[in-house]
Amino acid sequence: GGHHCAGSDTETRSCQKQLCPVDGHWSEWSHWEECSQTCGQGNRTRIRTCSNPPAQHGGRSCEGKAVDVIMCSVRPCPVAGNWGPWLPWSPCSESCGKGVQSRIRLCNNPPPTFDGLQCEGTDTQSQVCKETSCPVDGKWSSWMSWGSCSVSCGGGTR
């Protein structure tokens, strides 16, 4: 029997300085953002990043979308009212002489909806109308006093 050899029976040395590729992976999705519109049709968005971990040393990048969008609608938008056309004038209130006629318009072009503003201004117009002059009926005046006789004697008239 001889003695065992002193020291290690193996020796290692690093030989490959190149780092291994790391494939990228997505982070968690962010919270959904508020709707992009306060009324009517809008969008809600959420995002994620290729950072868990990011692709490194020639590894593959993340596959898929980094942004996710869905449509949203909070409530319908207000619609302000607008006047429709004036309706025809009413007949004159008097058949002769001075009368009045009127006309209206409706707030329906479009009507106000979803808390939209009412139409501004008046919905009624009036104007003086005169169809024709009124006829004047003849009328007897009161009797005048008797005149003198047409002859001084015989059968005259007065």
Foldseek 3Di string as FASTA:
>chain_A
DDDDDDDDPDDDDDDDPQDDWDEFDKDDKDDWDPFPDQADKGKIKIFIARPPPATPRPHHGDDDDGMDMDMDGNYHDKDAWDKDDKDDKDPFPDQADKGKIKIFIDRPPPQTPPPHHYYDDDGMDMDIDGNYHDDDDDDDDDDDDDDDFPDPDDDTDD
